[in-house]
Amino acid sequence: LVAARRCAALDYLRARAQNTRPRLAGDLTQRFSQRALAMSSTLDRVTRLAQVPAAVARYLTANALPVKGVCWACHATLDWAAAGLHVEARAAGHDDLLGITGTFCAIAETGTLMLLSGTQTAATTSLLPETHIAIIPASRIVAGMEDGFALLRAEHGELPHAVNFVSGPSRTGDIELTMVIGAHGPYRVHLLIVAEE
């Protein structure tokens, strides 16, 4: 029954024409970077994944931020200690000030991260700490949200427990229309785009 419903849903999606979408001219990485900066994220680029710990250390030091935090399990083997950082591979708790995650993909159109929750990719790591640092392989930057969902269907088949979209630091203007940063999540979102995997 579940397989039949899934096939029917996929058939429906394939048969349905997409609505009009904006054409994104130029390089997707450049477009993503521009939109992310417009959403108050900060950004850096590295060539290889092994350069991430040093880039994280530079960012934290330049902003006088704590050098202790947590990361997703997929980044546990990076040499955090050599960069002077103390990073544990576990889900973030209420006392953790720094959370380092990967990304499922990044959306160039809006400068948004698409994060999937799972046993090795806890949503709390991007939501609870004051500083969220996201590692983005350049090859995982897609044009629009439709492309992100198509990639999710192709690679995972079904939705995870949660899909979180992150567009810069948490903010709200609910109280007297005054913008407050960090109201429901991180005060800072720093993005590291990795050219090669």
C-alpha atoms as a PDB file:
ATOM      1  CA  LEU A   1       0.000   0.000   0.000  1.00  0.00           C
ATOM      2  CA  VAL A   2       2.793   2.441   0.924  1.00  0.00           C
ATOM      3  CA  ALA A   3       4.744   1.624  -2.256  1.00  0.00           C
ATOM      4  CA  ALA A   4       1.620   2.130  -4.384  1.00  0.00           C
ATOM      5  CA  ARG A   5       0.953   5.528  -2.774  1.00  0.00           C
ATOM      6  CA  ARG A   6       4.553   6.554  -3.314  1.00  0.00           C
ATOM      7  CA  CYS A   7       4.430   5.551  -7.003  1.00  0.00           C
ATOM      8  CA  ALA A   8       1.173   7.452  -7.451  1.00  0.00           C
ATOM      9  CA  ALA A   9       2.643  10.568  -5.838  1.00  0.00           C
ATOM     10  CA  LEU A  10       5.792  10.405  -7.995  1.00  0.00           C
ATOM     11  CA  ASP A  11       3.684   9.895 -11.139  1.00  0.00           C
ATOM     12  CA  TYR A  12       1.647  12.954 -10.183  1.00  0.00           C
ATOM     13  CA  LEU A  13       4.779  15.063  -9.695  1.00  0.00           C
ATOM     14  CA  ARG A  14       6.312  13.941 -12.992  1.00  0.00           C
ATOM     15  CA  ALA A  15       3.109  14.637 -14.937  1.00  0.00           C
ATOM     16  CA  ARG A  16       2.545  18.083 -13.431  1.00  0.00           C
ATOM     17  CA  ALA A  17       4.160  21.041 -15.164  1.00  0.00           C
ATOM     18  CA  GLN A  18       6.132  23.333 -12.876  1.00  0.00           C
ATOM     19  CA  ASN A  19       4.953  26.883 -12.444  1.00  0.00           C
ATOM     20  CA  THR A  20       6.969  29.710 -13.922  1.00  0.00           C
ATOM     21  CA  ARG A  21      10.332  30.018 -12.225  1.00  0.00           C
ATOM     22  CA  PRO A  22      12.836  32.857 -12.373  1.00  0.00           C
ATOM     23  CA  ARG A  23      15.826  32.270 -14.601  1.00  0.00           C
ATOM     24  CA  LEU A  24      19.025  32.456 -12.609  1.00  0.00           C
ATOM     25  CA  ALA A  25      21.718  34.009 -14.759  1.00  0.00           C
ATOM     26  CA  GLY A  26      25.356  33.291 -14.010  1.00  0.00           C
ATOM     27  CA  ASP A  27      27.085  31.057 -11.530  1.00  0.00           C
ATOM     28  CA  LEU A  28      24.893  29.392  -8.869  1.00  0.00           C
ATOM     29  CA  THR A  29      27.594  29.712  -6.210  1.00  0.00           C
ATOM     30  CA  GLN A  30      27.866  33.450  -6.826  1.00  0.00           C
ATOM     31  CA  ARG A  31      24.081  33.875  -6.757  1.00  0.00           C
ATOM     32  CA  PHE A  32      23.799  31.849  -3.541  1.00  0.00           C
ATOM     33  CA  SER A  33      26.565  33.926  -1.935  1.00  0.00           C
ATOM     34  CA  GLN A  34      24.876  37.222  -2.846  1.00  0.00           C
ATOM     35  CA  ARG A  35      21.509  36.119  -1.490  1.00  0.00           C
ATOM     36  CA  ALA A  36      23.008  34.633   1.695  1.00  0.00           C
ATOM     37  CA  LEU A  37      24.875  37.862   2.436  1.00  0.00           C
ATOM     38  CA  ALA A  38      21.642  39.797   1.856  1.00  0.00           C
ATOM     39  CA  MET A  39      20.028  37.571   4.520  1.00  0.00           C
ATOM     40  CA  SER A  40      22.708  38.667   7.060  1.00  0.00           C
ATOM     41  CA  SER A  41      24.793  35.499   6.895  1.00  0.00           C
ATOM     42  CA  THR A  42      28.570  35.817   6.674  1.00  0.00           C
ATOM     43  CA  LEU A  43      30.539  33.756   4.221  1.00  0.00           C
ATOM     44  CA  ASP A  44      33.971  32.330   3.487  1.00  0.00           C
ATOM     45  CA  ARG A  45      35.308  29.948   0.865  1.00  0.00           C
ATOM     46  CA  VAL A  46      37.851  27.167   1.081  1.00  0.00           C
ATOM     47  CA  THR A  47      39.231  24.868  -1.568  1.00  0.00           C
ATOM     48  CA  ARG A  48      39.144  21.581   0.352  1.00  0.00           C
ATOM     49  CA  LEU A  49      37.201  20.149   3.274  1.00  0.00           C
ATOM     50  CA  ALA A  50      40.436  19.738   5.264  1.00  0.00           C
ATOM     51  CA  GLN A  51      40.744  23.557   5.342  1.00  0.00           C
ATOM     52  CA  VAL A  52      37.449  23.982   7.189  1.00  0.00           C
ATOM     53  CA  PRO A  53      38.791  23.821  10.789  1.00  0.00           C
ATOM     54  CA  ALA A  54      41.328  26.617  10.142  1.00  0.00           C
ATOM     55  CA  ALA A  55      38.608  28.732   8.483  1.00  0.00           C
ATOM     56  CA  VAL A  56      36.280  28.155  11.439  1.00  0.00           C
ATOM     57  CA  ALA A  57      39.057  29.120  13.863  1.00  0.00           C
ATOM     58  CA  ARG A  58      39.748  32.348  11.916  1.00  0.00           C
ATOM     59  CA  TYR A  59      36.081  33.308  12.014  1.00  0.00           C
ATOM     60  CA  LEU A  60      35.680  32.567  15.727  1.00  0.00           C
ATOM     61  CA  THR A  61      38.889  34.386  16.669  1.00  0.00           C
ATOM     62  CA  ALA A  62      38.071  37.441  14.542  1.00  0.00           C
ATOM     63  CA  ASN A  63      34.684  37.724  16.254  1.00  0.00           C
ATOM     64  CA  ALA A  64      35.894  36.880  19.789  1.00  0.00           C
ATOM     65  CA  LEU A  65      33.624  33.838  19.950  1.00  0.00           C
ATOM     66  CA  PRO A  66      34.079  30.611  21.945  1.00  0.00           C
ATOM     67  CA  VAL A  67      36.254  27.954  20.301  1.00  0.00           C
ATOM     68  CA  LYS A  68      34.283  25.076  21.803  1.00  0.00           C
ATOM     69  CA  GLY A  69      31.278  23.540  20.092  1.00  0.00           C
ATOM     70  CA  VAL A  70      29.564  20.554  18.526  1.00  0.00           C
ATOM     71  CA  CYS A  71      29.334  19.195  14.995  1.00  0.00           C
ATOM     72  CA  TRP A  72      27.478  16.608  12.948  1.00  0.00           C
ATOM     73  CA  ALA A  73      29.057  13.142  12.931  1.00  0.00           C
ATOM     74  CA  CYS A  74      30.085  13.480   9.262  1.00  0.00           C
ATOM     75  CA  HIS A  75      32.608  16.145  10.287  1.00  0.00           C
ATOM     76  CA  ALA A  76      33.989  14.381  13.365  1.00  0.00           C
ATOM     77  CA  THR A  77      37.199  13.336  11.580  1.00  0.00           C
ATOM     78  CA  LEU A  78      38.234  16.866  10.625  1.00  0.00           C
ATOM     79  CA  ASP A  79      41.303  17.983  12.572  1.00  0.00           C
ATOM     80  CA  TRP A  80      39.587  20.491  14.840  1.00  0.00           C
ATOM     81  CA  ALA A  81      42.256  20.239  17.552  1.00  0.00           C
ATOM     82  CA  ALA A  82      45.054  21.287  15.166  1.00  0.00           C
ATOM     83  CA  ALA A  83      43.119  24.514  14.559  1.00  0.00           C
ATOM     84  CA  GLY A  84      42.870  25.138  18.307  1.00  0.00           C
ATOM     85  CA  LEU A  85      39.211  24.139  18.523  1.00  0.00           C
ATOM     86  CA  HIS A  86      37.415  21.736  20.839  1.00  0.00           C
ATOM     87  CA  VAL A  87      34.583  20.243  18.770  1.00  0.00           C
ATOM     88  CA  GLU A  88      32.533  17.210  19.805  1.00  0.00           C
ATOM     89  CA  ALA A  89      30.468  15.144  17.379  1.00  0.00           C
ATOM     90  CA  ARG A  90      27.065  15.135  19.068  1.00  0.00           C
ATOM     91  CA  ALA A  91      23.728  16.908  19.076  1.00  0.00           C
ATOM     92  CA  ALA A  92      23.739  20.392  20.547  1.00  0.00           C
ATOM     93  CA  GLY A  93      22.321  21.015  23.995  1.00  0.00           C
ATOM     94  CA  HIS A  94      21.130  24.238  25.608  1.00  0.00           C
ATOM     95  CA  ASP A  95      24.637  25.099  26.870  1.00  0.00           C
ATOM     96  CA  ASP A  96      26.394  24.776  23.501  1.00  0.00           C
ATOM     97  CA  LEU A  97      27.264  28.115  21.921  1.00  0.00           C
ATOM     98  CA  LEU A  98      28.638  26.819  18.598  1.00  0.00           C
ATOM     99  CA  GLY A  99      27.039  24.330  16.221  1.00  0.00           C
ATOM    100  CA  ILE A 100      28.729  23.137  13.022  1.00  0.00           C
ATOM    101  CA  THR A 101      26.634  21.351  10.420  1.00  0.00           C
ATOM    102  CA  GLY A 102      26.794  20.241   6.845  1.00  0.00           C
ATOM    103  CA  THR A 103      23.962  20.882   4.410  1.00  0.00           C
ATOM    104  CA  PHE A 104      21.837  18.636   2.265  1.00  0.00           C
ATOM    105  CA  CYS A 105      21.887  21.349  -0.363  1.00  0.00           C
ATOM    106  CA  ALA A 106      21.797  25.131  -0.673  1.00  0.00           C
ATOM    107  CA  ILE A 107      19.266  27.149  -2.662  1.00  0.00           C
ATOM    108  CA  ALA A 108      20.843  29.796  -4.916  1.00  0.00           C
ATOM    109  CA  GLU A 109      17.590  31.655  -5.569  1.00  0.00           C
ATOM    110  CA  THR A 110      17.092  32.603  -1.915  1.00  0.00           C
ATOM    111  CA  GLY A 111      20.447  32.028  -0.162  1.00  0.00           C
ATOM    112  CA  THR A 112      18.825  29.299   1.926  1.00  0.00           C
ATOM    113  CA  LEU A 113      20.251  26.104   3.428  1.00  0.00           C
ATOM    114  CA  MET A 114      18.250  22.873   3.258  1.00  0.00           C
ATOM    115  CA  LEU A 115      19.062  20.678   6.268  1.00  0.00           C
ATOM    116  CA  LEU A 116      17.715  17.178   6.873  1.00  0.00           C
ATOM    117  CA  SER A 117      17.345  15.896  10.412  1.00  0.00           C
ATOM    118  CA  GLY A 118      18.456  12.402  11.330  1.00  0.00           C
ATOM    119  CA  THR A 119      20.320  10.394  13.934  1.00  0.00           C
ATOM    120  CA  GLN A 120      23.659  11.747  12.648  1.00  0.00           C
ATOM    121  CA  THR A 121      22.359  15.193  11.659  1.00  0.00           C
ATOM    122  CA  ALA A 122      20.545  16.571  14.700  1.00  0.00           C
ATOM    123  CA  ALA A 123      18.405  19.634  14.026  1.00  0.00           C
ATOM    124  CA  THR A 124      19.415  21.060  17.410  1.00  0.00           C
ATOM    125  CA  THR A 125      22.957  21.631  16.125  1.00  0.00           C
ATOM    126  CA  SER A 126      21.714  24.382  13.814  1.00  0.00           C
ATOM    127  CA  LEU A 127      18.905  25.652  16.028  1.00  0.00           C
ATOM    128  CA  LEU A 128      20.135  25.892  19.631  1.00  0.00           C
ATOM    129  CA  PRO A 129      23.644  27.440  19.580  1.00  0.00           C
ATOM    130  CA  GLU A 130      24.139  31.202  19.271  1.00  0.00           C
ATOM    131  CA  THR A 131      26.500  30.608  16.339  1.00  0.00           C
ATOM    132  CA  HIS A 132      25.695  28.230  13.490  1.00  0.00           C
ATOM    133  CA  ILE A 133      28.452  27.418  10.999  1.00  0.00           C
ATOM    134  CA  ALA A 134      27.339  25.471   7.920  1.00  0.00           C
ATOM    135  CA  ILE A 135      29.675  23.643   5.555  1.00  0.00           C
ATOM    136  CA  ILE A 136      28.397  23.745   1.969  1.00  0.00           C
ATOM    137  CA  PRO A 137      29.970  21.760  -0.869  1.00  0.00           C
ATOM    138  CA  ALA A 138      29.752  23.996  -3.947  1.00  0.00           C
ATOM    139  CA  SER A 139      28.506  20.980  -5.896  1.00  0.00           C
ATOM    140  CA  ARG A 140      25.386  20.900  -3.675  1.00  0.00           C
ATOM    141  CA  ILE A 141      24.186  24.399  -4.577  1.00  0.00           C
ATOM    142  CA  VAL A 142      21.010  24.108  -6.649  1.00  0.00           C
ATOM    143  CA  ALA A 143      18.976  26.784  -8.411  1.00  0.00           C
ATOM    144  CA  GLY A 144      15.648  26.663  -6.569  1.00  0.00           C
ATOM    145  CA  MET A 145      13.667  24.954  -3.853  1.00  0.00           C
ATOM    146  CA  GLU A 146      12.026  22.714  -6.454  1.00  0.00           C
ATOM    147  CA  ASP A 147      15.502  21.396  -7.308  1.00  0.00           C
ATOM    148  CA  GLY A 148      16.220  20.756  -3.636  1.00  0.00           C
ATOM    149  CA  PHE A 149      13.061  18.664  -3.256  1.00  0.00           C
ATOM    150  CA  ALA A 150      13.799  16.802  -6.504  1.00  0.00           C
ATOM    151  CA  LEU A 151      17.260  15.975  -5.134  1.00  0.00           C
ATOM    152  CA  LEU A 152      15.697  14.816  -1.867  1.00  0.00           C
ATOM    153  CA  ARG A 153      13.300  12.492  -3.704  1.00  0.00           C
ATOM    154  CA  ALA A 154      16.127  11.138  -5.895  1.00  0.00           C
ATOM    155  CA  GLU A 155      18.572  10.497  -3.061  1.00  0.00           C
ATOM    156  CA  HIS A 156      16.345   9.641  -0.088  1.00  0.00           C
ATOM    157  CA  GLY A 157      13.040   8.528  -1.506  1.00  0.00           C
ATOM    158  CA  GLU A 158      11.067   9.725   1.495  1.00  0.00           C
ATOM    159  CA  LEU A 159      11.092  12.736   3.747  1.00  0.00           C
ATOM    160  CA  PRO A 160      13.184  12.609   6.914  1.00  0.00           C
ATOM    161  CA  HIS A 161      11.664  13.464  10.288  1.00  0.00           C
ATOM    162  CA  ALA A 162      12.222  17.164   9.543  1.00  0.00           C
ATOM    163  CA  VAL A 163      13.518  19.378   6.768  1.00  0.00           C
ATOM    164  CA  ASN A 164      14.757  22.731   8.035  1.00  0.00           C
ATOM    165  CA  PHE A 165      15.331  25.748   5.824  1.00  0.00           C
ATOM    166  CA  VAL A 166      17.819  28.292   7.161  1.00  0.00           C
ATOM    167  CA  SER A 167      17.985  31.764   5.641  1.00  0.00           C
ATOM    168  CA  GLY A 168      20.420  33.721   7.785  1.00  0.00           C
ATOM    169  CA  PRO A 169      20.252  34.343  11.522  1.00  0.00           C
ATOM    170  CA  SER A 170      16.990  33.887  13.374  1.00  0.00           C
ATOM    171  CA  ARG A 171      14.929  37.066  13.448  1.00  0.00           C
ATOM    172  CA  THR A 172      11.496  38.394  14.296  1.00  0.00           C
ATOM    173  CA  GLY A 173       9.695  41.713  14.103  1.00  0.00           C
ATOM    174  CA  ASP A 174       6.710  40.567  16.173  1.00  0.00           C
ATOM    175  CA  ILE A 175       7.230  42.959  19.083  1.00  0.00           C
ATOM    176  CA  GLU A 176       6.335  46.543  18.109  1.00  0.00           C
ATOM    177  CA  LEU A 177       7.685  45.829  14.604  1.00  0.00           C
ATOM    178  CA  THR A 178      11.237  46.052  15.968  1.00  0.00           C
ATOM    179  CA  MET A 179      13.625  43.586  14.314  1.00  0.00           C
ATOM    180  CA  VAL A 180      15.248  41.277  16.860  1.00  0.00           C
ATOM    181  CA  ILE A 181      18.118  38.989  15.763  1.00  0.00           C
ATOM    182  CA  GLY A 182      18.487  35.604  17.470  1.00  0.00           C
ATOM    183  CA  ALA A 183      14.936  35.497  18.769  1.00  0.00           C
ATOM    184  CA  HIS A 184      14.258  31.824  17.989  1.00  0.00           C
ATOM    185  CA  GLY A 185      17.683  30.490  17.061  1.00  0.00           C
ATOM    186  CA  PRO A 186      21.240  31.551  16.203  1.00  0.00           C
ATOM    187  CA  TYR A 187      22.400  35.173  16.319  1.00  0.00           C
ATOM    188  CA  ARG A 188      25.011  34.372  13.680  1.00  0.00           C
ATOM    189  CA  VAL A 189      25.064  32.107  10.622  1.00  0.00           C
ATOM    190  CA  HIS A 190      28.473  31.696   8.986  1.00  0.00           C
ATOM    191  CA  LEU A 191      28.734  29.752   5.742  1.00  0.00           C
ATOM    192  CA  LEU A 192      31.809  27.923   4.467  1.00  0.00           C
ATOM    193  CA  ILE A 193      31.602  27.013   0.795  1.00  0.00           C
ATOM    194  CA  VAL A 194      33.943  24.151  -0.102  1.00  0.00           C
ATOM    195  CA  ALA A 195      34.994  24.161  -3.752  1.00  0.00           C
ATOM    196  CA  GLU A 196      36.077  20.505  -3.783  1.00  0.00           C
ATOM    197  CA  GLU A 197      34.807  17.540  -1.780  1.00  0.00           C
END
